N, C-alpha and C. Protein backbone atom coordinates (compact mmCIF):
# COMPACT_ATOMS: atom_id res chain seq x y z
N MET A 1 0.71 -1.22 -0.33
CA MET A 1 0.14 0.09 0.00
C MET A 1 1.38 1.15 0.22
N ILE A 2 0.55 2.22 -0.79
CA ILE A 2 1.10 3.86 -0.74
C ILE A 2 0.98 4.52 0.73
N LYS A 3 2.05 4.68 0.83
CA LYS A 3 1.74 5.73 2.30
C LYS A 3 1.58 6.88 1.66
N LEU A 4 0.96 8.45 1.91
CA LEU A 4 1.44 9.33 2.11
C LEU A 4 1.32 10.37 3.20
N TYR A 5 2.35 10.94 2.69
CA TYR A 5 2.42 12.20 4.37
C TYR A 5 2.52 13.07 3.94
N GLY A 6 2.14 13.96 4.97
CA GLY A 6 1.79 15.42 4.49
C GLY A 6 0.28 15.73 5.16
N ALA A 7 -0.20 17.45 5.15
CA ALA A 7 -1.49 17.43 5.63
C ALA A 7 -2.38 18.04 4.52
N ALA A 8 -3.28 18.03 4.90
CA ALA A 8 -4.88 18.14 4.06
C ALA A 8 -4.38 19.70 4.13
N LEU A 9 -4.26 21.17 4.17
CA LEU A 9 -4.05 22.26 4.36
C LEU A 9 -2.98 22.61 3.24
N SER A 10 -2.22 21.42 2.57
CA SER A 10 -0.98 21.69 1.52
C SER A 10 -1.99 21.90 0.16
N PRO A 11 -1.67 22.55 -0.77
CA PRO A 11 -2.53 22.45 -1.99
C PRO A 11 -1.80 20.96 -2.65
N TYR A 12 -0.23 20.85 -2.42
CA TYR A 12 0.32 20.06 -3.33
C TYR A 12 0.31 18.72 -2.89
N TYR A 13 0.48 18.75 -1.34
CA TYR A 13 -0.53 17.06 -0.99
C TYR A 13 -2.09 16.88 -1.46
N ASN A 14 -2.60 17.38 -1.95
CA ASN A 14 -3.69 17.58 -1.95
C ASN A 14 -4.15 16.93 -3.57
N LYS A 15 -3.06 17.62 -4.24
CA LYS A 15 -2.86 16.92 -5.54
C LYS A 15 -2.63 15.65 -5.72
N VAL A 16 -1.90 15.28 -4.70
CA VAL A 16 -1.63 13.79 -5.04
C VAL A 16 -2.45 13.13 -4.55
N LYS A 17 -3.23 13.09 -3.41
CA LYS A 17 -4.61 12.69 -3.14
C LYS A 17 -5.08 12.57 -3.59
N ILE A 18 -5.50 13.68 -4.53
CA ILE A 18 -6.65 13.54 -5.74
C ILE A 18 -6.55 12.88 -6.94
N ALA A 19 -5.01 12.57 -7.13
CA ALA A 19 -4.98 11.89 -8.53
C ALA A 19 -4.85 9.88 -8.09
N LEU A 20 -4.43 10.02 -6.81
CA LEU A 20 -4.44 8.48 -6.30
C LEU A 20 -5.73 8.08 -5.93
N LEU A 21 -7.07 8.64 -5.45
CA LEU A 21 -8.16 9.00 -5.99
C LEU A 21 -9.01 8.16 -7.20
N GLU A 22 -8.74 8.84 -7.90
CA GLU A 22 -8.75 8.85 -9.26
C GLU A 22 -8.37 7.96 -9.83
N LYS A 23 -7.03 6.93 -9.81
CA LYS A 23 -6.43 6.00 -10.48
C LYS A 23 -6.67 4.98 -9.16
N GLY A 24 -7.71 4.99 -8.09
CA GLY A 24 -8.30 4.02 -7.53
C GLY A 24 -6.98 3.67 -6.67
N VAL A 25 -6.00 3.72 -6.34
CA VAL A 25 -5.35 3.15 -5.53
C VAL A 25 -5.43 3.47 -4.28
N ASN A 26 -5.19 1.82 -3.41
CA ASN A 26 -4.83 1.31 -1.93
C ASN A 26 -4.37 2.53 -1.65
N PHE A 27 -4.49 3.75 -0.69
CA PHE A 27 -3.29 4.17 -0.33
C PHE A 27 -3.35 4.76 1.55
N GLN A 28 -2.59 4.94 2.42
CA GLN A 28 -2.70 5.30 3.39
C GLN A 28 -2.14 6.55 4.08
N GLU A 29 -3.16 7.62 4.55
CA GLU A 29 -2.82 8.91 4.77
C GLU A 29 -2.28 8.95 6.10
N ILE A 30 -0.65 9.56 6.21
CA ILE A 30 -0.15 9.90 7.46
C ILE A 30 0.55 11.29 7.77
N LEU A 31 -0.63 11.74 8.52
CA LEU A 31 -0.25 13.29 8.88
C LEU A 31 0.86 13.88 9.30
N THR A 32 1.81 14.51 8.44
CA THR A 32 3.02 14.70 8.62
C THR A 32 3.55 16.50 8.51
N GLY A 33 4.04 17.29 8.69
CA GLY A 33 4.67 18.48 8.74
C GLY A 33 5.59 18.64 8.15
N PRO A 34 5.91 19.51 7.62
CA PRO A 34 7.39 19.86 6.94
C PRO A 34 8.25 19.60 8.07
N SER A 35 9.73 19.49 8.35
CA SER A 35 11.00 19.24 8.94
C SER A 35 11.95 19.03 8.77
N GLN A 36 12.90 19.67 8.95
CA GLN A 36 14.53 19.55 8.98
C GLN A 36 15.31 18.31 9.49
N GLN A 37 14.04 17.60 10.70
CA GLN A 37 14.94 16.79 11.15
C GLN A 37 15.59 15.82 10.31
N GLU A 38 16.63 14.83 11.40
CA GLU A 38 17.18 13.63 9.84
C GLU A 38 16.40 12.85 9.26
N GLU A 39 15.34 12.40 10.02
CA GLU A 39 14.18 10.84 9.77
C GLU A 39 13.52 11.22 8.50
N MET A 40 12.86 12.72 8.56
CA MET A 40 12.55 13.18 7.52
C MET A 40 13.40 13.79 6.44
N LEU A 41 14.37 14.08 6.42
CA LEU A 41 15.05 14.17 5.26
C LEU A 41 15.74 13.18 4.67
N ALA A 42 15.67 12.11 5.03
CA ALA A 42 15.97 10.76 4.42
C ALA A 42 14.88 10.12 3.71
N LYS A 43 13.96 11.20 3.63
CA LYS A 43 12.76 10.91 3.10
C LYS A 43 12.38 11.95 1.44
N SER A 44 12.26 12.76 2.46
CA SER A 44 12.26 13.81 1.50
C SER A 44 13.20 15.33 1.81
N PRO A 45 14.31 14.72 0.36
CA PRO A 45 15.59 15.46 1.20
C PRO A 45 15.60 17.12 1.15
N MET A 46 14.72 17.98 1.18
CA MET A 46 13.75 19.29 1.63
C MET A 46 13.70 19.38 2.31
N GLY A 47 12.99 17.84 2.86
CA GLY A 47 11.99 17.95 4.35
C GLY A 47 10.89 18.80 4.08
N LYS A 48 10.38 18.73 2.94
CA LYS A 48 8.81 19.12 1.97
C LYS A 48 8.02 18.17 2.38
N ILE A 49 6.54 18.57 2.59
CA ILE A 49 5.57 17.78 2.17
C ILE A 49 4.55 18.17 0.82
N PRO A 50 4.25 17.11 -0.34
CA PRO A 50 3.81 15.76 0.48
C PRO A 50 5.49 14.91 -0.02
N PHE A 51 5.70 13.34 0.58
CA PHE A 51 6.08 12.66 -0.26
C PHE A 51 5.25 11.56 -0.28
N VAL A 52 5.07 10.09 -0.46
CA VAL A 52 4.80 9.01 -0.89
C VAL A 52 5.95 8.00 -0.22
N GLU A 53 6.04 6.91 0.28
CA GLU A 53 6.66 5.65 0.65
C GLU A 53 5.95 4.51 -0.39
N VAL A 54 6.56 3.69 -1.60
CA VAL A 54 6.02 2.54 -2.12
C VAL A 54 7.24 1.51 -1.48
N GLY A 55 6.50 0.68 -1.39
CA GLY A 55 7.47 -0.87 -0.81
C GLY A 55 8.98 -0.11 0.12
N GLY A 56 8.97 0.77 0.72
CA GLY A 56 9.72 1.30 1.27
C GLY A 56 10.95 2.21 0.62
N HIS A 57 10.15 2.36 -0.72
CA HIS A 57 10.63 3.64 -1.32
C HIS A 57 10.19 4.79 -1.27
N ALA A 58 10.95 5.61 -1.06
CA ALA A 58 10.22 7.40 -0.69
C ALA A 58 10.29 8.07 -1.98
N MET A 59 9.42 8.47 -2.14
CA MET A 59 9.62 9.67 -3.39
C MET A 59 9.16 11.02 -2.41
N ALA A 60 9.43 12.41 -2.82
CA ALA A 60 9.22 13.30 -2.85
C ALA A 60 8.70 14.21 -3.73
N GLU A 61 8.06 15.58 -3.86
CA GLU A 61 7.68 16.77 -5.21
C GLU A 61 6.84 16.03 -5.46
N SER A 62 5.47 16.74 -5.33
CA SER A 62 4.22 16.56 -6.31
C SER A 62 3.94 15.67 -7.96
N ALA A 63 4.37 16.87 -8.29
CA ALA A 63 4.82 16.59 -9.79
C ALA A 63 5.54 15.60 -10.36
N VAL A 64 6.64 14.82 -9.50
CA VAL A 64 6.94 14.13 -9.45
C VAL A 64 6.21 12.36 -9.78
N ILE A 65 5.30 12.60 -8.47
CA ILE A 65 4.92 11.79 -7.65
C ILE A 65 4.00 10.98 -9.10
N LEU A 66 3.03 12.62 -9.36
CA LEU A 66 2.02 12.27 -9.93
C LEU A 66 2.30 11.69 -11.29
N GLU A 67 3.94 11.81 -12.03
CA GLU A 67 4.57 11.36 -13.55
C GLU A 67 4.49 9.71 -12.73
N TRP A 68 4.81 9.20 -12.02
CA TRP A 68 5.19 7.97 -11.62
C TRP A 68 4.34 7.75 -11.04
N LEU A 69 2.91 7.82 -10.77
CA LEU A 69 1.76 7.60 -10.96
C LEU A 69 1.10 7.06 -12.36
N GLU A 70 0.90 8.44 -12.97
CA GLU A 70 0.67 7.48 -14.70
C GLU A 70 2.17 6.22 -14.98
N ASP A 71 3.33 6.31 -14.45
CA ASP A 71 3.93 5.29 -14.92
C ASP A 71 3.14 3.73 -14.37
N ALA A 72 3.32 4.47 -13.22
CA ALA A 72 2.67 2.87 -12.38
C ALA A 72 1.21 2.37 -12.67
N TYR A 73 0.12 3.22 -12.74
CA TYR A 73 -0.99 3.13 -13.19
C TYR A 73 -1.37 3.51 -14.74
N PRO A 74 -0.93 2.76 -15.87
CA PRO A 74 -1.24 3.59 -16.90
C PRO A 74 -2.71 3.68 -17.33
N THR A 75 -3.77 2.74 -16.55
CA THR A 75 -4.72 2.95 -16.92
C THR A 75 -6.41 3.39 -16.36
N ALA A 76 -5.45 4.31 -15.77
CA ALA A 76 -6.87 5.31 -15.38
C ALA A 76 -5.48 6.59 -15.36
N SER A 77 -5.26 7.09 -16.52
CA SER A 77 -4.92 8.10 -17.13
C SER A 77 -5.63 9.59 -16.75
N LEU A 78 -4.22 10.43 -15.70
CA LEU A 78 -4.95 11.98 -15.77
C LEU A 78 -3.81 12.84 -17.22
N LEU A 79 -3.92 11.99 -17.85
CA LEU A 79 -3.25 12.84 -19.30
C LEU A 79 -3.96 12.45 -20.24
N PRO A 80 -4.56 13.55 -21.28
CA PRO A 80 -5.16 13.02 -22.42
C PRO A 80 -3.95 12.00 -23.32
N PRO A 81 -4.81 11.41 -24.08
CA PRO A 81 -4.19 10.67 -25.04
C PRO A 81 -3.04 11.34 -26.25
N THR A 82 -3.23 12.18 -26.67
CA THR A 82 -2.43 12.37 -27.74
C THR A 82 -1.22 13.29 -27.12
N PRO A 83 -0.21 13.10 -27.75
CA PRO A 83 1.55 14.26 -27.67
C PRO A 83 0.77 15.43 -27.13
N ASN A 84 0.46 15.78 -27.88
CA ASN A 84 0.24 17.51 -28.07
C ASN A 84 -0.81 18.06 -26.73
N GLY A 85 -1.52 16.82 -26.43
CA GLY A 85 -2.72 16.91 -25.23
C GLY A 85 -2.21 16.73 -24.11
N ARG A 86 -0.96 16.09 -23.97
CA ARG A 86 -0.36 15.70 -23.14
C ARG A 86 0.80 17.06 -22.37
N ALA A 87 1.01 17.34 -23.47
CA ALA A 87 1.83 18.66 -23.05
C ALA A 87 0.96 19.60 -23.15
N HIS A 88 0.35 20.12 -23.22
CA HIS A 88 -1.11 20.86 -22.89
C HIS A 88 -1.29 21.27 -21.27
N ALA A 89 -1.29 19.40 -21.05
CA ALA A 89 -2.02 19.82 -19.60
C ALA A 89 -0.63 19.56 -18.97
N ARG A 90 0.20 19.00 -19.04
CA ARG A 90 1.39 19.59 -18.54
C ARG A 90 1.88 20.99 -18.18
N GLN A 91 1.84 21.23 -19.77
CA GLN A 91 2.28 23.17 -19.38
C GLN A 91 1.24 23.52 -18.58
N LEU A 92 -0.14 23.64 -18.34
CA LEU A 92 -0.56 24.28 -18.07
C LEU A 92 -0.97 24.05 -16.21
N SER A 93 -0.67 22.61 -15.76
CA SER A 93 -0.25 22.20 -14.64
C SER A 93 0.83 23.23 -14.14
N ALA A 94 2.11 22.90 -14.60
CA ALA A 94 3.42 23.98 -14.30
C ALA A 94 2.63 25.41 -14.09
N MET A 95 1.92 25.90 -15.66
CA MET A 95 1.85 27.30 -14.66
C MET A 95 0.44 27.75 -14.18
N LEU A 96 0.07 26.53 -13.29
CA LEU A 96 -0.66 27.11 -12.35
C LEU A 96 0.07 27.05 -10.71
N ASP A 97 1.03 26.28 -11.04
CA ASP A 97 2.24 25.96 -9.94
C ASP A 97 2.84 26.72 -9.54
N LEU A 98 3.15 27.62 -11.00
CA LEU A 98 4.82 28.82 -11.13
C LEU A 98 4.06 29.37 -10.67
N TYR A 99 3.38 29.99 -11.77
CA TYR A 99 2.78 31.36 -11.85
C TYR A 99 1.55 31.96 -11.05
N VAL A 100 0.21 30.95 -10.68
CA VAL A 100 -0.26 31.23 -9.57
C VAL A 100 -0.50 31.15 -8.10
N LEU A 101 0.35 29.47 -8.16
CA LEU A 101 0.37 29.20 -6.59
C LEU A 101 1.71 29.62 -5.74
N MET A 102 2.69 29.36 -6.56
CA MET A 102 3.96 30.50 -5.86
C MET A 102 3.79 31.14 -5.54
N PRO A 103 3.53 32.92 -6.00
CA PRO A 103 3.61 34.13 -5.59
C PRO A 103 2.22 33.92 -4.87
N ALA A 104 1.63 33.48 -4.44
CA ALA A 104 0.68 33.21 -3.75
C ALA A 104 1.29 32.77 -1.84
N LEU A 105 1.92 31.85 -2.33
CA LEU A 105 2.55 31.42 -1.13
C LEU A 105 2.63 32.31 0.58
N PRO A 106 3.61 32.79 0.08
CA PRO A 106 3.92 33.84 1.38
C PRO A 106 2.61 34.77 1.82
N LEU A 107 1.57 34.59 0.93
CA LEU A 107 0.61 35.32 1.72
C LEU A 107 -1.03 33.99 2.20
N TYR A 108 -0.19 33.53 1.61
CA TYR A 108 -0.92 31.59 2.22
C TYR A 108 -0.23 31.29 3.20
N ARG A 109 0.91 31.52 4.01
CA ARG A 109 1.87 30.88 5.06
C ARG A 109 1.22 32.16 6.07
N HIS A 110 1.16 32.91 5.51
CA HIS A 110 1.29 34.54 6.76
C HIS A 110 -0.57 34.44 7.19
N TRP A 111 -1.40 34.06 6.19
CA TRP A 111 -2.90 34.00 6.24
C TRP A 111 -3.00 32.54 7.65
N LEU A 112 -2.48 31.12 7.10
CA LEU A 112 -2.74 30.14 8.49
C LEU A 112 -1.48 30.41 8.90
N PHE A 113 -0.51 30.72 9.23
CA PHE A 113 0.20 30.55 10.22
C PHE A 113 0.76 31.88 10.39
N GLY A 114 0.44 33.01 9.98
CA GLY A 114 1.10 34.11 10.56
C GLY A 114 2.17 34.97 10.43
N SER A 115 2.99 34.11 9.50
CA SER A 115 4.76 33.67 9.14
C SER A 115 4.49 35.55 8.35
N PRO A 116 5.81 36.63 9.05
CA PRO A 116 6.11 37.57 8.43
C PRO A 116 5.74 38.32 7.08
N LEU A 117 5.90 39.26 6.69
CA LEU A 117 5.25 39.44 5.25
C LEU A 117 6.57 40.76 4.96
N GLU A 118 7.07 40.79 4.10
CA GLU A 118 7.85 41.93 3.50
C GLU A 118 7.40 43.10 3.06
N ALA A 119 7.32 43.97 3.29
CA ALA A 119 6.95 45.30 2.88
C ALA A 119 6.62 45.00 1.32
N GLY A 120 5.36 45.71 0.85
CA GLY A 120 5.36 45.41 -0.63
C GLY A 120 4.58 44.03 -0.90
N ALA A 121 5.07 43.26 -0.30
CA ALA A 121 4.61 41.67 -0.06
C ALA A 121 2.98 41.47 -0.94
N ILE A 122 1.90 42.12 -0.06
CA ILE A 122 0.70 41.65 -0.53
C ILE A 122 0.38 42.24 -2.01
N GLU A 123 1.18 43.51 -2.24
CA GLU A 123 0.88 44.55 -3.67
C GLU A 123 1.12 43.32 -4.64
N ALA A 124 2.83 43.39 -4.61
CA ALA A 124 3.60 42.39 -5.92
C ALA A 124 3.00 41.06 -5.87
N ALA A 125 2.39 40.43 -4.60
CA ALA A 125 2.01 38.70 -5.11
C ALA A 125 0.31 39.50 -5.37
N ARG A 126 -0.07 40.36 -5.75
CA ARG A 126 -1.36 40.59 -6.18
C ARG A 126 -1.34 40.66 -7.58
N GLN A 127 -0.70 41.67 -8.14
CA GLN A 127 -0.23 41.84 -9.75
C GLN A 127 0.37 40.46 -10.16
N GLN A 128 1.41 39.60 -8.92
CA GLN A 128 1.67 38.82 -10.11
C GLN A 128 1.16 37.25 -10.34
N ILE A 129 0.08 37.30 -8.95
CA ILE A 129 -1.24 36.33 -9.11
C ILE A 129 -1.59 36.66 -10.47
N ALA A 130 -2.26 37.54 -10.76
CA ALA A 130 -3.37 38.08 -12.20
C ALA A 130 -2.37 38.01 -13.10
N ARG A 131 -1.03 38.53 -13.09
CA ARG A 131 -0.54 37.72 -14.43
C ARG A 131 -0.49 36.49 -14.53
N GLY A 132 -0.76 35.43 -13.21
CA GLY A 132 -0.64 34.16 -13.66
C GLY A 132 -1.49 33.58 -14.29
N VAL A 133 -2.77 34.10 -13.78
CA VAL A 133 -4.30 34.21 -14.13
C VAL A 133 -4.61 34.42 -15.66
N ALA A 134 -4.03 35.36 -15.64
CA ALA A 134 -4.10 35.36 -17.35
C ALA A 134 -3.24 34.69 -18.35
N ALA A 135 -2.02 34.56 -17.92
CA ALA A 135 -1.29 33.55 -18.65
C ALA A 135 -2.03 31.96 -18.83
N CYS A 136 -2.65 31.85 -17.25
CA CYS A 136 -3.44 30.56 -17.87
C CYS A 136 -4.60 30.44 -17.99
N ALA A 137 -4.97 31.27 -18.97
CA ALA A 137 -6.34 31.80 -19.11
C ALA A 137 -6.35 31.07 -20.59
N GLN A 138 -5.06 31.98 -20.91
CA GLN A 138 -4.85 31.74 -22.54
C GLN A 138 -4.76 29.86 -23.17
N LEU A 139 -4.95 29.07 -21.89
CA LEU A 139 -4.59 27.85 -22.32
C LEU A 139 -5.88 27.37 -22.08
N LEU A 140 -6.51 27.61 -21.62
CA LEU A 140 -8.11 26.78 -21.16
C LEU A 140 -8.36 26.53 -22.46
N ASP A 141 -9.00 25.34 -22.66
CA ASP A 141 -10.10 24.54 -23.42
C ASP A 141 -11.00 24.16 -23.15
N TYR A 142 -11.22 24.78 -21.93
CA TYR A 142 -13.22 23.90 -21.40
C TYR A 142 -13.80 22.87 -22.99
N GLY A 143 -13.79 21.69 -22.22
CA GLY A 143 -14.88 20.88 -23.11
C GLY A 143 -15.15 19.54 -22.78
N PRO A 144 -14.93 19.36 -21.23
CA PRO A 144 -15.55 20.54 -20.45
C PRO A 144 -14.76 21.20 -19.15
N TRP A 145 -12.85 20.15 -19.63
CA TRP A 145 -12.43 20.46 -18.57
C TRP A 145 -11.08 20.89 -19.45
N ALA A 146 -10.12 21.61 -18.18
CA ALA A 146 -9.28 22.51 -18.53
C ALA A 146 -8.49 22.30 -20.31
N CYS A 147 -8.25 21.05 -20.19
CA CYS A 147 -7.27 20.90 -21.78
C CYS A 147 -8.54 19.94 -22.95
N GLY A 148 -9.66 20.11 -22.37
CA GLY A 148 -10.63 19.50 -23.66
C GLY A 148 -11.40 18.67 -22.79
N GLU A 149 -11.52 17.13 -23.67
CA GLU A 149 -12.63 15.92 -23.24
C GLU A 149 -11.75 15.54 -21.89
N ASP A 150 -10.83 15.66 -21.36
CA ASP A 150 -10.36 14.75 -20.36
C ASP A 150 -9.88 15.72 -19.50
N PHE A 151 -10.43 14.75 -18.08
CA PHE A 151 -9.77 15.30 -16.38
C PHE A 151 -8.91 15.10 -16.60
N SER A 152 -7.77 16.16 -16.18
CA SER A 152 -6.22 15.67 -15.76
C SER A 152 -5.83 16.51 -14.93
N SER A 153 -4.54 16.06 -14.85
CA SER A 153 -3.82 16.58 -14.25
C SER A 153 -3.54 17.92 -14.01
N ALA A 154 -3.84 18.86 -14.87
CA ALA A 154 -4.50 20.44 -14.65
C ALA A 154 -5.65 20.71 -13.92
N ASP A 155 -6.52 19.88 -14.38
CA ASP A 155 -8.03 19.95 -13.42
C ASP A 155 -7.62 19.30 -12.51
N ILE A 156 -6.62 18.46 -11.96
CA ILE A 156 -6.26 18.37 -10.46
C ILE A 156 -5.22 19.86 -9.73
N GLY A 157 -5.01 20.49 -10.35
CA GLY A 157 -4.24 21.50 -9.78
C GLY A 157 -4.73 22.63 -9.94
N ALA A 158 -5.77 22.89 -10.55
CA ALA A 158 -6.65 23.74 -10.21
C ALA A 158 -7.77 23.54 -9.17
N ALA A 159 -8.22 22.28 -9.21
CA ALA A 159 -8.93 21.69 -7.89
C ALA A 159 -8.52 22.79 -6.65
N CYS A 160 -7.19 22.16 -6.49
CA CYS A 160 -6.34 22.30 -5.48
C CYS A 160 -6.02 23.75 -5.19
N ILE A 161 -5.87 24.34 -5.96
CA ILE A 161 -5.04 25.81 -5.88
C ILE A 161 -6.45 26.95 -5.41
N LEU A 162 -7.38 27.07 -6.46
CA LEU A 162 -8.27 27.94 -6.68
C LEU A 162 -8.41 28.24 -5.24
N PRO A 163 -9.92 27.00 -4.59
CA PRO A 163 -10.55 27.45 -3.84
C PRO A 163 -9.69 27.78 -2.67
N ALA A 164 -8.26 27.57 -2.28
CA ALA A 164 -7.64 27.49 -1.31
C ALA A 164 -7.33 29.01 -1.63
N LEU A 165 -6.97 29.49 -2.73
CA LEU A 165 -6.32 30.98 -2.84
C LEU A 165 -7.35 31.97 -2.79
N SER A 166 -8.94 31.68 -3.31
CA SER A 166 -9.65 32.06 -2.87
C SER A 166 -10.15 32.62 -1.55
N GLN A 167 -10.28 32.10 -0.85
CA GLN A 167 -10.71 31.59 0.68
C GLN A 167 -9.42 32.61 1.17
N MET A 168 -8.34 32.11 0.82
CA MET A 168 -7.45 33.41 1.32
C MET A 168 -7.56 34.50 0.73
N SER A 169 -7.26 35.03 0.23
CA SER A 169 -7.50 36.21 -0.28
C SER A 169 -8.70 37.07 -0.08
N LYS A 170 -9.72 36.50 0.17
CA LYS A 170 -11.19 37.29 0.36
C LYS A 170 -10.89 37.38 1.90
N ALA A 171 -10.21 36.65 3.03
CA ALA A 171 -9.83 36.97 4.21
C ALA A 171 -8.76 38.14 3.93
N LEU A 172 -7.57 37.81 3.15
CA LEU A 172 -6.88 38.42 3.49
C LEU A 172 -6.44 39.98 2.86
N LEU A 173 -7.01 40.28 1.68
CA LEU A 173 -6.94 41.16 0.72
C LEU A 173 -8.20 41.75 0.57
N GLY A 174 -9.42 41.15 1.49
CA GLY A 174 -10.88 41.75 0.37
C GLY A 174 -10.99 41.56 -0.55
N GLU A 175 -10.63 40.80 -1.52
CA GLU A 175 -10.93 40.69 -2.54
C GLU A 175 -10.46 39.35 -3.05
N ASP A 176 -11.26 38.64 -4.56
CA ASP A 176 -10.56 37.23 -4.76
C ASP A 176 -9.92 37.26 -5.87
N VAL A 177 -8.87 36.53 -5.63
CA VAL A 177 -7.64 36.70 -6.95
C VAL A 177 -7.89 36.03 -7.85
N THR A 178 -9.31 35.10 -7.58
CA THR A 178 -9.42 34.43 -8.73
C THR A 178 -10.26 34.22 -9.58
N ALA A 179 -11.15 35.46 -9.07
CA ALA A 179 -12.49 35.77 -10.06
C ALA A 179 -12.42 36.11 -11.29
N ALA A 180 -10.59 36.09 -11.43
CA ALA A 180 -11.11 36.68 -13.39
C ALA A 180 -10.43 35.40 -13.92
N PHE A 181 -10.02 33.76 -13.20
CA PHE A 181 -10.19 32.99 -13.71
C PHE A 181 -11.52 32.54 -14.69
N PRO A 182 -10.93 32.41 -16.02
CA PRO A 182 -12.72 31.92 -17.14
C PRO A 182 -13.70 31.38 -16.58
N GLU A 183 -14.54 31.47 -16.71
CA GLU A 183 -15.97 30.62 -16.09
C GLU A 183 -15.87 30.11 -14.74
N ARG A 184 -14.62 30.18 -13.91
CA ARG A 184 -14.52 29.92 -12.91
C ARG A 184 -15.52 29.12 -11.82
N ASP A 185 -17.18 29.58 -11.75
CA ASP A 185 -17.74 29.22 -10.82
C ASP A 185 -18.24 27.85 -11.63
N ALA A 186 -18.66 28.28 -13.01
CA ALA A 186 -19.04 26.96 -13.41
C ALA A 186 -17.94 25.67 -13.63
N TYR A 187 -16.51 26.24 -13.97
CA TYR A 187 -15.91 25.05 -13.74
C TYR A 187 -15.97 24.18 -12.52
N LEU A 188 -15.72 25.14 -11.17
CA LEU A 188 -15.17 24.32 -10.23
C LEU A 188 -17.05 23.84 -9.85
N GLN A 189 -18.10 24.01 -9.91
CA GLN A 189 -19.31 23.06 -9.84
C GLN A 189 -18.83 21.44 -10.49
N ARG A 190 -18.28 21.89 -11.84
CA ARG A 190 -17.52 20.69 -12.41
C ARG A 190 -16.81 19.78 -11.72
N LEU A 191 -16.05 20.11 -11.21
CA LEU A 191 -14.87 19.78 -10.13
C LEU A 191 -15.67 19.39 -9.16
N ALA A 192 -16.85 19.87 -8.48
CA ALA A 192 -16.71 19.73 -7.22
C ALA A 192 -17.98 18.04 -7.35
N ALA A 193 -18.44 18.07 -8.64
CA ALA A 193 -19.15 17.32 -8.42
C ALA A 193 -18.36 15.53 -8.57
N ARG A 194 -17.03 15.73 -9.05
CA ARG A 194 -15.95 14.54 -8.87
C ARG A 194 -15.81 13.97 -7.43
N LYS A 195 -15.84 13.21 -7.20
CA LYS A 195 -16.03 12.32 -6.33
C LYS A 195 -14.34 12.49 -5.12
N SER A 196 -13.53 12.87 -6.20
CA SER A 196 -12.31 12.45 -5.62
C SER A 196 -12.39 14.13 -5.60
N VAL A 197 -12.46 14.90 -5.86
CA VAL A 197 -12.84 16.20 -5.64
C VAL A 197 -13.10 16.93 -4.31
N SER A 198 -14.43 16.35 -4.51
CA SER A 198 -15.42 16.52 -3.31
C SER A 198 -15.28 16.04 -2.16
N ARG A 199 -14.21 15.05 -2.16
CA ARG A 199 -14.04 14.23 -0.93
C ARG A 199 -12.50 15.46 -0.31
N THR A 200 -12.06 15.45 -0.94
CA THR A 200 -10.61 16.08 -0.76
C THR A 200 -11.06 17.77 -0.42
N TRP A 201 -11.79 18.81 -0.95
CA TRP A 201 -12.23 19.37 -0.63
C TRP A 201 -13.20 19.70 1.11
N SER A 202 -13.90 18.36 1.19
CA SER A 202 -14.90 17.99 2.57
C SER A 202 -13.16 18.59 3.86
N GLU A 203 -12.43 17.23 2.97
CA GLU A 203 -11.64 16.87 4.36
C GLU A 203 -10.49 17.84 4.57
N ARG A 204 -10.36 18.93 3.81
CA ARG A 204 -9.64 20.13 3.53
C ARG A 204 -10.25 21.00 4.78
N GLU A 205 -11.05 20.94 4.31
CA GLU A 205 -12.15 21.97 5.23
C GLU A 205 -12.13 21.86 7.12
N ALA A 206 -12.33 20.60 6.80
CA ALA A 206 -12.58 19.78 8.04
C ALA A 206 -11.12 20.37 8.84
N ALA A 207 -10.12 19.89 8.16
CA ALA A 207 -8.41 20.20 9.00
C ALA A 207 -8.54 21.64 9.11
N LEU A 208 -9.00 22.12 8.12
CA LEU A 208 -8.86 23.98 8.46
C LEU A 208 -9.71 24.64 9.79
N THR A 209 -10.71 23.97 10.21
CA THR A 209 -11.64 24.12 11.06
C THR A 209 -10.79 24.00 12.52
N ALA A 210 -10.64 22.42 12.28
CA ALA A 210 -9.99 21.83 13.49
C ALA A 210 -8.28 22.81 14.20
N PHE A 211 -8.10 23.03 12.78
CA PHE A 211 -6.50 23.88 12.56
C PHE A 211 -6.61 25.29 13.48
N ARG A 212 -7.63 25.73 12.85
CA ARG A 212 -8.19 27.58 13.97
C ARG A 212 -8.28 27.45 15.35
N ALA A 213 -9.49 26.08 15.51
CA ALA A 213 -9.72 26.11 16.46
C ALA A 213 -8.78 25.63 17.31
N ARG A 214 -7.54 25.49 17.21
CA ARG A 214 -6.19 24.82 18.08
C ARG A 214 -5.36 26.27 18.37
N GLN A 215 -5.33 26.80 17.45
CA GLN A 215 -4.64 28.52 17.04
C GLN A 215 -5.65 29.41 18.05
N GLN A 216 -7.37 28.82 18.79
CA GLN A 216 -7.45 29.83 19.38
C GLN A 216 -7.62 29.23 20.94
N GLN A 217 -7.03 28.27 21.26
CA GLN A 217 -6.76 27.94 22.44
C GLN A 217 -5.91 28.19 23.15
């Protein structure tokens, strides 16, 4: 059985979780935070989450884990069937990570954990996220999924990034930085209809509620 280490508040963790659910793979979730302890670094060399263990072999980095899942479980593919389609999904996945999620991470960590922000960080992130959303919009090809007819890793990325950033930005910035994502509301409704996404969203909300309750104690 695959062991998935991480926490439901991490968009990267949730990407791997949705992929496992979509592929129907048996897995065990093990609550783990990032750490620089030696035992953790032996499994995740940068001490980050998520990482997985498969038969005693550890793998880190969510993008790598998703590629491994494609190789190990090809019959329930999370990439379109053609080379161009697969490249399309990979490109959109990468752009969502690099140009939408990455600029937002300092704000997300501040909102969750109270991590300090540098002067001007909020406005800089706002502008970078807006640019990233606009760039991703150029690649969207709803049919009905982000890259056409096939639910793919790009949709998994969107499912893990858009709701988390929407929630954070409304609370921290007083606006929804994902509002410009084309046809966002209808797209999120389609995502919510998938059991893998609905379960992951529900469990993330439960984890967030429990986390906020602990902060108030």
